[in-house]
PDB file of all heavy atoms in Angstrom:
ATOM      1  N   THR A   1      36.827 -24.010 -51.316  1.00  0.00           N
ATOM      2  CA  THR A   1      37.512 -24.236 -52.592  1.00  0.00           C
ATOM      3  C   THR A   1      36.712 -23.582 -53.721  1.00  0.00           C
ATOM      4  O   THR A   1      35.576 -23.155 -53.525  1.00  0.00           O
ATOM      5  CB  THR A   1      37.644 -25.743 -52.888  1.00  0.00           C
ATOM      6  OG1 THR A   1      36.322 -26.310 -52.951  1.00  0.00           O
ATOM      7  CG2 THR A   1      38.441 -26.438 -51.795  1.00  0.00           C
ATOM      8  N   ILE A   2      37.314 -23.499 -54.900  1.00  0.00           N
ATOM      9  CA  ILE A   2      36.602 -22.973 -56.064  1.00  0.00           C
ATOM     10  C   ILE A   2      36.147 -24.157 -56.910  1.00  0.00           C
ATOM     11  O   ILE A   2      36.972 -24.917 -57.425  1.00  0.00           O
ATOM     12  CB  ILE A   2      37.490 -22.033 -56.900  1.00  0.00           C
ATOM     13  CG1 ILE A   2      37.951 -20.847 -56.050  1.00  0.00           C
ATOM     14  CG2 ILE A   2      36.730 -21.534 -58.130  1.00  0.00           C
ATOM     15  CD1 ILE A   2      38.869 -19.876 -56.779  1.00  0.00           C
ATOM     16  N   PRO A   3      34.832 -24.357 -57.051  1.00  0.00           N
ATOM     17  CA  PRO A   3      34.334 -25.505 -57.819  1.00  0.00           C
ATOM     18  C   PRO A   3      34.794 -25.462 -59.269  1.00  0.00           C
ATOM     19  O   PRO A   3      34.938 -24.386 -59.866  1.00  0.00           O
ATOM     20  CB  PRO A   3      32.808 -25.343 -57.737  1.00  0.00           C
ATOM     21  CG  PRO A   3      32.575 -24.533 -56.506  1.00  0.00           C
ATOM     22  CD  PRO A   3      33.738 -23.586 -56.440  1.00  0.00           C
ATOM     23  N   GLU A   4      35.029 -26.631 -59.846  1.00  0.00           N
ATOM     24  CA  GLU A   4      35.459 -26.721 -61.235  1.00  0.00           C
ATOM     25  C   GLU A   4      34.435 -26.082 -62.167  1.00  0.00           C
ATOM     26  O   GLU A   4      34.801 -25.454 -63.171  1.00  0.00           O
ATOM     27  CB  GLU A   4      35.660 -28.191 -61.614  1.00  0.00           C
ATOM     28  CG  GLU A   4      36.318 -28.402 -62.980  1.00  0.00           C
ATOM     29  CD  GLU A   4      37.723 -27.825 -63.062  1.00  0.00           C
ATOM     30  OE1 GLU A   4      38.442 -27.847 -62.042  1.00  0.00           O
ATOM     31  OE2 GLU A   4      38.088 -27.343 -64.151  1.00  0.00           O
ATOM     32  N   SER A   5      33.143 -26.205 -61.842  1.00  0.00           N
ATOM     33  CA  SER A   5      32.108 -25.611 -62.697  1.00  0.00           C
ATOM     34  C   SER A   5      32.227 -24.096 -62.740  1.00  0.00           C
ATOM     35  O   SER A   5      31.962 -23.461 -63.778  1.00  0.00           O
ATOM     36  CB  SER A   5      30.713 -25.998 -62.183  1.00  0.00           C
ATOM     37  OG  SER A   5      30.459 -25.440 -60.908  1.00  0.00           O
ATOM     38  N   THR A   6      32.643 -23.488 -61.640  1.00  0.00           N
ATOM     39  CA  THR A   6      32.820 -22.032 -61.597  1.00  0.00           C
ATOM     40  C   THR A   6      34.039 -21.617 -62.397  1.00  0.00           C
ATOM     41  O   THR A   6      34.014 -20.603 -63.117  1.00  0.00           O
ATOM     42  CB  THR A   6      32.939 -21.562 -60.134  1.00  0.00           C
ATOM     43  OG1 THR A   6      31.740 -21.902 -59.441  1.00  0.00           O
ATOM     44  CG2 THR A   6      33.146 -20.064 -60.055  1.00  0.00           C
ATOM     45  N   ILE A   7      35.111 -22.395 -62.299  1.00  0.00           N
ATOM     46  CA  ILE A   7      36.320 -22.122 -63.088  1.00  0.00           C
ATOM     47  C   ILE A   7      35.985 -22.143 -64.579  1.00  0.00           C
ATOM     48  O   ILE A   7      36.368 -21.235 -65.336  1.00  0.00           O
ATOM     49  CB  ILE A   7      37.418 -23.156 -62.769  1.00  0.00           C
ATOM     50  CG1 ILE A   7      37.880 -23.005 -61.310  1.00  0.00           C
ATOM     51  CG2 ILE A   7      38.602 -23.014 -63.727  1.00  0.00           C
ATOM     52  CD1 ILE A   7      38.820 -24.105 -60.837  1.00  0.00           C
ATOM     53  N   GLU A   8      35.224 -23.144 -64.997  1.00  0.00           N
ATOM     54  CA  GLU A   8      34.856 -23.264 -66.407  1.00  0.00           C
ATOM     55  C   GLU A   8      33.888 -22.155 -66.825  1.00  0.00           C
ATOM     56  O   GLU A   8      33.957 -21.642 -67.946  1.00  0.00           O
ATOM     57  CB  GLU A   8      34.239 -24.637 -66.681  1.00  0.00           C
ATOM     58  CG  GLU A   8      35.233 -25.787 -66.574  1.00  0.00           C
ATOM     59  CD  GLU A   8      36.434 -25.608 -67.492  1.00  0.00           C
ATOM     60  OE1 GLU A   8      36.233 -25.264 -68.675  1.00  0.00           O
ATOM     61  OE2 GLU A   8      37.571 -25.790 -67.019  1.00  0.00           O
ATOM     62  N   ALA A   9      32.978 -21.773 -65.922  1.00  0.00           N
ATOM     63  CA  ALA A   9      32.016 -20.713 -66.233  1.00  0.00           C
ATOM     64  C   ALA A   9      32.729 -19.385 -66.462  1.00  0.00           C
ATOM     65  O   ALA A   9      32.385 -18.631 -67.384  1.00  0.00           O
ATOM     66  CB  ALA A   9      31.001 -20.580 -65.100  1.00  0.00           C
ATOM     67  N   VAL A  10      33.737 -19.092 -65.642  1.00  0.00           N
ATOM     68  CA  VAL A  10      34.505 -17.856 -65.815  1.00  0.00           C
ATOM     69  C   VAL A  10      35.224 -17.872 -67.159  1.00  0.00           C
ATOM     70  O   VAL A  10      35.247 -16.864 -67.886  1.00  0.00           O
ATOM     71  CB  VAL A  10      35.504 -17.661 -64.652  1.00  0.00           C
ATOM     72  CG1 VAL A  10      36.478 -16.519 -64.962  1.00  0.00           C
ATOM     73  CG2 VAL A  10      34.758 -17.378 -63.355  1.00  0.00           C
ATOM     74  N   LYS A  11      35.786 -19.027 -67.517  1.00  0.00           N
ATOM     75  CA  LYS A  11      36.463 -19.153 -68.815  1.00  0.00           C
ATOM     76  C   LYS A  11      35.488 -18.906 -69.964  1.00  0.00           C
ATOM     77  O   LYS A  11      35.805 -18.199 -70.931  1.00  0.00           O
ATOM     78  CB  LYS A  11      37.084 -20.546 -68.960  1.00  0.00           C
ATOM     79  CG  LYS A  11      38.329 -20.780 -68.133  1.00  0.00           C
ATOM     80  CD  LYS A  11      38.867 -22.188 -68.364  1.00  0.00           C
ATOM     81  CE  LYS A  11      40.085 -22.474 -67.491  1.00  0.00           C
ATOM     82  NZ  LYS A  11      40.564 -23.875 -67.664  1.00  0.00           N
ATOM     83  N   GLU A  12      34.284 -19.482 -69.860  1.00  0.00           N
ATOM     84  CA  GLU A  12      33.282 -19.301 -70.914  1.00  0.00           C
ATOM     85  C   GLU A  12      32.854 -17.846 -71.029  1.00  0.00           C
ATOM     86  O   GLU A  12      32.677 -17.327 -72.140  1.00  0.00           O
ATOM     87  CB  GLU A  12      32.075 -20.201 -70.656  1.00  0.00           C
ATOM     88  CG  GLU A  12      32.335 -21.671 -70.939  1.00  0.00           C
ATOM     89  CD  GLU A  12      31.035 -22.475 -71.027  1.00  0.00           C
ATOM     90  OE1 GLU A  12      30.165 -22.103 -71.832  1.00  0.00           O
ATOM     91  OE2 GLU A  12      30.918 -23.464 -70.278  1.00  0.00           O
ATOM     92  N   LEU A  13      32.671 -17.195 -69.903  1.00  0.00           N
ATOM     93  CA  LEU A  13      32.304 -15.778 -69.923  1.00  0.00           C
ATOM     94  C   LEU A  13      33.370 -14.962 -70.649  1.00  0.00           C
ATOM     95  O   LEU A  13      33.055 -14.124 -71.509  1.00  0.00           O
ATOM     96  CB  LEU A  13      32.129 -15.248 -68.492  1.00  0.00           C
ATOM     97  CG  LEU A  13      30.882 -15.696 -67.735  1.00  0.00           C
ATOM     98  CD1 LEU A  13      30.992 -15.298 -66.264  1.00  0.00           C
ATOM     99  CD2 LEU A  13      29.627 -15.103 -68.350  1.00  0.00           C
ATOM    100  N   LYS A  14      34.625 -15.198 -70.319  1.00  0.00           N
ATOM    101  CA  LYS A  14      35.713 -14.450 -70.931  1.00  0.00           C
ATOM    102  C   LYS A  14      35.830 -14.784 -72.419  1.00  0.00           C
ATOM    103  O   LYS A  14      36.091 -13.903 -73.239  1.00  0.00           O
ATOM    104  CB  LYS A  14      37.022 -14.727 -70.190  1.00  0.00           C
ATOM    105  CG  LYS A  14      37.044 -14.143 -68.777  1.00  0.00           C
ATOM    106  CD  LYS A  14      38.326 -14.463 -68.033  1.00  0.00           C
ATOM    107  CE  LYS A  14      39.535 -13.773 -68.659  1.00  0.00           C
ATOM    108  NZ  LYS A  14      39.483 -12.318 -68.525  1.00  0.00           N
ATOM    109  N   ASN A  15      35.632 -16.046 -72.767  1.00  0.00           N
ATOM    110  CA  ASN A  15      35.692 -16.434 -74.183  1.00  0.00           C
ATOM    111  C   ASN A  15      34.590 -15.776 -75.002  1.00  0.00           C
ATOM    112  O   ASN A  15      34.759 -15.533 -76.207  1.00  0.00           O
ATOM    113  CB  ASN A  15      35.598 -17.955 -74.323  1.00  0.00           C
ATOM    114  CG  ASN A  15      36.862 -18.668 -73.871  1.00  0.00           C
ATOM    115  OD1 ASN A  15      37.935 -18.059 -73.801  1.00  0.00           O
ATOM    116  ND2 ASN A  15      36.757 -19.946 -73.548  1.00  0.00           N
ATOM    117  N   LYS A  16      33.468 -15.485 -74.358  1.00  0.00           N
ATOM    118  CA  LYS A  16      32.364 -14.817 -75.038  1.00  0.00           C
ATOM    119  C   LYS A  16      32.514 -13.296 -75.040  1.00  0.00           C
ATOM    120  O   LYS A  16      31.650 -12.576 -75.534  1.00  0.00           O
ATOM    121  CB  LYS A  16      31.035 -15.209 -74.387  1.00  0.00           C
ATOM    122  CG  LYS A  16      30.575 -16.618 -74.737  1.00  0.00           C
ATOM    123  CD  LYS A  16      29.259 -16.946 -74.051  1.00  0.00           C
ATOM    124  CE  LYS A  16      28.713 -18.278 -74.553  1.00  0.00           C
ATOM    125  NZ  LYS A  16      28.196 -18.208 -75.931  1.00  0.00           N
ATOM    126  N   GLY A  17      33.607 -12.810 -74.436  1.00  0.00           N
ATOM    127  CA  GLY A  17      33.886 -11.377 -74.456  1.00  0.00           C
ATOM    128  C   GLY A  17      33.304 -10.585 -73.307  1.00  0.00           C
ATOM    129  O   GLY A  17      33.342  -9.347 -73.312  1.00  0.00           O
ATOM    130  N   LEU A  18      32.738 -11.271 -72.299  1.00  0.00           N
ATOM    131  CA  LEU A  18      32.205 -10.558 -71.152  1.00  0.00           C
ATOM    132  C   LEU A  18      33.320 -10.228 -70.157  1.00  0.00           C
ATOM    133  O   LEU A  18      34.272 -10.997 -69.996  1.00  0.00           O
ATOM    134  CB  LEU A  18      31.128 -11.383 -70.436  1.00  0.00           C
ATOM    135  CG  LEU A  18      29.727 -11.360 -71.053  1.00  0.00           C
ATOM    136  CD1 LEU A  18      29.634 -12.318 -72.235  1.00  0.00           C
ATOM    137  CD2 LEU A  18      28.671 -11.709 -69.996  1.00  0.00           C
ATOM    138  N   LYS A  19      33.204  -9.081 -69.526  1.00  0.00           N
ATOM    139  CA  LYS A  19      34.112  -8.725 -68.446  1.00  0.00           C
ATOM    140  C   LYS A  19      33.685  -9.468 -67.184  1.00  0.00           C
ATOM    141  O   LYS A  19      32.495  -9.581 -66.895  1.00  0.00           O
ATOM    142  CB  LYS A  19      34.083  -7.223 -68.179  1.00  0.00           C
ATOM    143  CG  LYS A  19      34.624  -6.360 -69.303  1.00  0.00           C
ATOM    144  CD  LYS A  19      36.123  -6.472 -69.397  1.00  0.00           C
ATOM    145  CE  LYS A  19      36.674  -5.554 -70.490  1.00  0.00           C
ATOM    146  NZ  LYS A  19      38.142  -5.747 -70.668  1.00  0.00           N
ATOM    147  N   VAL A  20      34.654  -9.972 -66.442  1.00  0.00           N
ATOM    148  CA  VAL A  20      34.368 -10.649 -65.176  1.00  0.00           C
ATOM    149  C   VAL A  20      35.096  -9.892 -64.073  1.00  0.00           C
ATOM    150  O   VAL A  20      36.311  -9.693 -64.143  1.00  0.00           O
ATOM    151  CB  VAL A  20      34.823 -12.117 -65.196  1.00  0.00           C
ATOM    152  CG1 VAL A  20      34.496 -12.788 -63.858  1.00  0.00           C
ATOM    153  CG2 VAL A  20      34.161 -12.877 -66.344  1.00  0.00           C
ATOM    154  N   VAL A  21      34.338  -9.454 -63.075  1.00  0.00           N
ATOM    155  CA  VAL A  21      34.891  -8.652 -61.988  1.00  0.00           C
ATOM    156  C   VAL A  21      34.629  -9.350 -60.661  1.00  0.00           C
ATOM    157  O   VAL A  21      33.493  -9.756 -60.376  1.00  0.00           O
ATOM    158  CB  VAL A  21      34.246  -7.246 -61.953  1.00  0.00           C
ATOM    159  CG1 VAL A  21      34.855  -6.396 -60.835  1.00  0.00           C
ATOM    160  CG2 VAL A  21      34.402  -6.548 -63.303  1.00  0.00           C
ATOM    161  N   ALA A  22      35.665  -9.501 -59.853  1.00  0.00           N
ATOM    162  CA  ALA A  22      35.480 -10.002 -58.492  1.00  0.00           C
ATOM    163  C   ALA A  22      35.147  -8.819 -57.603  1.00  0.00           C
ATOM    164  O   ALA A  22      35.872  -7.818 -57.591  1.00  0.00           O
ATOM    165  CB  ALA A  22      36.750 -10.691 -58.003  1.00  0.00           C
ATOM    166  N   ALA A  23      34.025  -8.913 -56.886  1.00  0.00           N
ATOM    167  CA  ALA A  23      33.591  -7.838 -55.979  1.00  0.00           C
ATOM    168  C   ALA A  23      33.530  -8.419 -54.576  1.00  0.00           C
ATOM    169  O   ALA A  23      32.602  -9.150 -54.240  1.00  0.00           O
ATOM    170  CB  ALA A  23      32.241  -7.289 -56.402  1.00  0.00           C
ATOM    171  N   THR A  24      34.516  -8.103 -53.768  1.00  0.00           N
ATOM    172  CA  THR A  24      34.743  -8.866 -52.548  1.00  0.00           C
ATOM    173  C   THR A  24      35.020  -8.004 -51.326  1.00  0.00           C
ATOM    174  O   THR A  24      35.422  -6.839 -51.447  1.00  0.00           O
ATOM    175  CB  THR A  24      35.926  -9.837 -52.769  1.00  0.00           C
ATOM    176  OG1 THR A  24      36.202 -10.558 -51.571  1.00  0.00           O
ATOM    177  CG2 THR A  24      37.184  -9.079 -53.186  1.00  0.00           C
ATOM    178  N   GLY A  25      34.813  -8.588 -50.178  1.00  0.00           N
ATOM    179  CA  GLY A  25      35.233  -7.958 -48.942  1.00  0.00           C
ATOM    180  C   GLY A  25      36.714  -8.159 -48.684  1.00  0.00           C
ATOM    181  O   GLY A  25      37.289  -7.523 -47.804  1.00  0.00           O
ATOM    182  N   ARG A  26      37.348  -9.027 -49.455  1.00  0.00           N
ATOM    183  CA  ARG A  26      38.777  -9.291 -49.273  1.00  0.00           C
ATOM    184  C   ARG A  26      39.624  -8.077 -49.682  1.00  0.00           C
ATOM    185  O   ARG A  26      39.225  -7.285 -50.523  1.00  0.00           O
ATOM    186  CB  ARG A  26      39.224 -10.462 -50.156  1.00  0.00           C
ATOM    187  CG  ARG A  26      38.636 -11.799 -49.821  1.00  0.00           C
ATOM    188  CD  ARG A  26      39.270 -12.853 -50.711  1.00  0.00           C
ATOM    189  NE  ARG A  26      38.698 -14.183 -50.532  1.00  0.00           N
ATOM    190  CZ  ARG A  26      39.207 -15.282 -51.077  1.00  0.00           C
ATOM    191  NH1 ARG A  26      40.294 -15.210 -51.840  1.00  0.00           N
ATOM    192  NH2 ARG A  26      38.634 -16.462 -50.871  1.00  0.00           N
ATOM    193  N   PRO A  27      40.838  -7.984 -49.155  1.00  0.00           N
ATOM    194  CA  PRO A  27      41.807  -7.031 -49.696  1.00  0.00           C
ATOM    195  C   PRO A  27      42.406  -7.609 -50.975  1.00  0.00           C
ATOM    196  O   PRO A  27      42.299  -8.815 -51.236  1.00  0.00           O
ATOM    197  CB  PRO A  27      42.862  -6.938 -48.584  1.00  0.00           C
ATOM    198  CG  PRO A  27      42.814  -8.290 -47.946  1.00  0.00           C
ATOM    199  CD  PRO A  27      41.370  -8.710 -47.987  1.00  0.00           C
ATOM    200  N   LEU A  28      43.035  -6.761 -51.774  1.00  0.00           N
ATOM    201  CA  LEU A  28      43.595  -7.212 -53.044  1.00  0.00           C
ATOM    202  C   LEU A  28      44.645  -8.299 -52.861  1.00  0.00           C
ATOM    203  O   LEU A  28      44.757  -9.217 -53.687  1.00  0.00           O
ATOM    204  CB  LEU A  28      44.202  -6.016 -53.795  1.00  0.00           C
ATOM    205  CG  LEU A  28      44.640  -6.264 -55.234  1.00  0.00           C
ATOM    206  CD1 LEU A  28      43.458  -6.684 -56.110  1.00  0.00           C
ATOM    207  CD2 LEU A  28      45.293  -5.014 -55.818  1.00  0.00           C
ATOM    208  N   SER A  29      45.385  -8.233 -51.764  1.00  0.00           N
ATOM    209  CA  SER A  29      46.459  -9.204 -51.541  1.00  0.00           C
ATOM    210  C   SER A  29      45.940 -10.629 -51.389  1.00  0.00           C
ATOM    211  O   SER A  29      46.702 -11.587 -51.518  1.00  0.00           O
ATOM    212  CB  SER A  29      47.260  -8.818 -50.290  1.00  0.00           C
ATOM    213  OG  SER A  29      46.432  -8.868 -49.141  1.00  0.00           O
ATOM    214  N   MET A  30      44.640 -10.781 -51.129  1.00  0.00           N
ATOM    215  CA  MET A  30      44.065 -12.113 -50.940  1.00  0.00           C
ATOM    216  C   MET A  30      43.280 -12.578 -52.162  1.00  0.00           C
ATOM    217  O   MET A  30      42.401 -13.432 -52.065  1.00  0.00           O
ATOM    218  CB  MET A  30      43.160 -12.127 -49.706  1.00  0.00           C
ATOM    219  CG  MET A  30      43.925 -11.973 -48.398  1.00  0.00           C
ATOM    220  SD  MET A  30      42.828 -11.816 -46.952  1.00  0.00           S
ATOM    221  CE  MET A  30      41.940 -13.369 -47.051  1.00  0.00           C
ATOM    222  N   CYS A  31      43.621 -12.020 -53.324  1.00  0.00           N
ATOM    223  CA  CYS A  31      42.884 -12.353 -54.546  1.00  0.00           C
ATOM    224  C   CYS A  31      43.717 -13.090 -55.585  1.00  0.00           C
ATOM    225  O   CYS A  31      43.311 -13.210 -56.745  1.00  0.00           O
ATOM    226  CB  CYS A  31      42.312 -11.076 -55.172  1.00  0.00           C
ATOM    227  SG  CYS A  31      41.023 -10.281 -54.186  1.00  0.00           S
ATOM    228  N   SER A  32      44.876 -13.607 -55.195  1.00  0.00           N
ATOM    229  CA  SER A  32      45.771 -14.236 -56.171  1.00  0.00           C
ATOM    230  C   SER A  32      45.140 -15.459 -56.840  1.00  0.00           C
ATOM    231  O   SER A  32      45.330 -15.696 -58.027  1.00  0.00           O
ATOM    232  CB  SER A  32      47.100 -14.617 -55.512  1.00  0.00           C
ATOM    233  OG  SER A  32      46.874 -15.476 -54.412  1.00  0.00           O
TER     234      SER A  32
END
């Protein structure tokens, strides 16, 4: 699962104007 603290951290990063990029072994179809 995705921890609530990580969800909030991503929101804070974006609110501060930082770019957030997922860098994964997954294909794009599994990133929804």
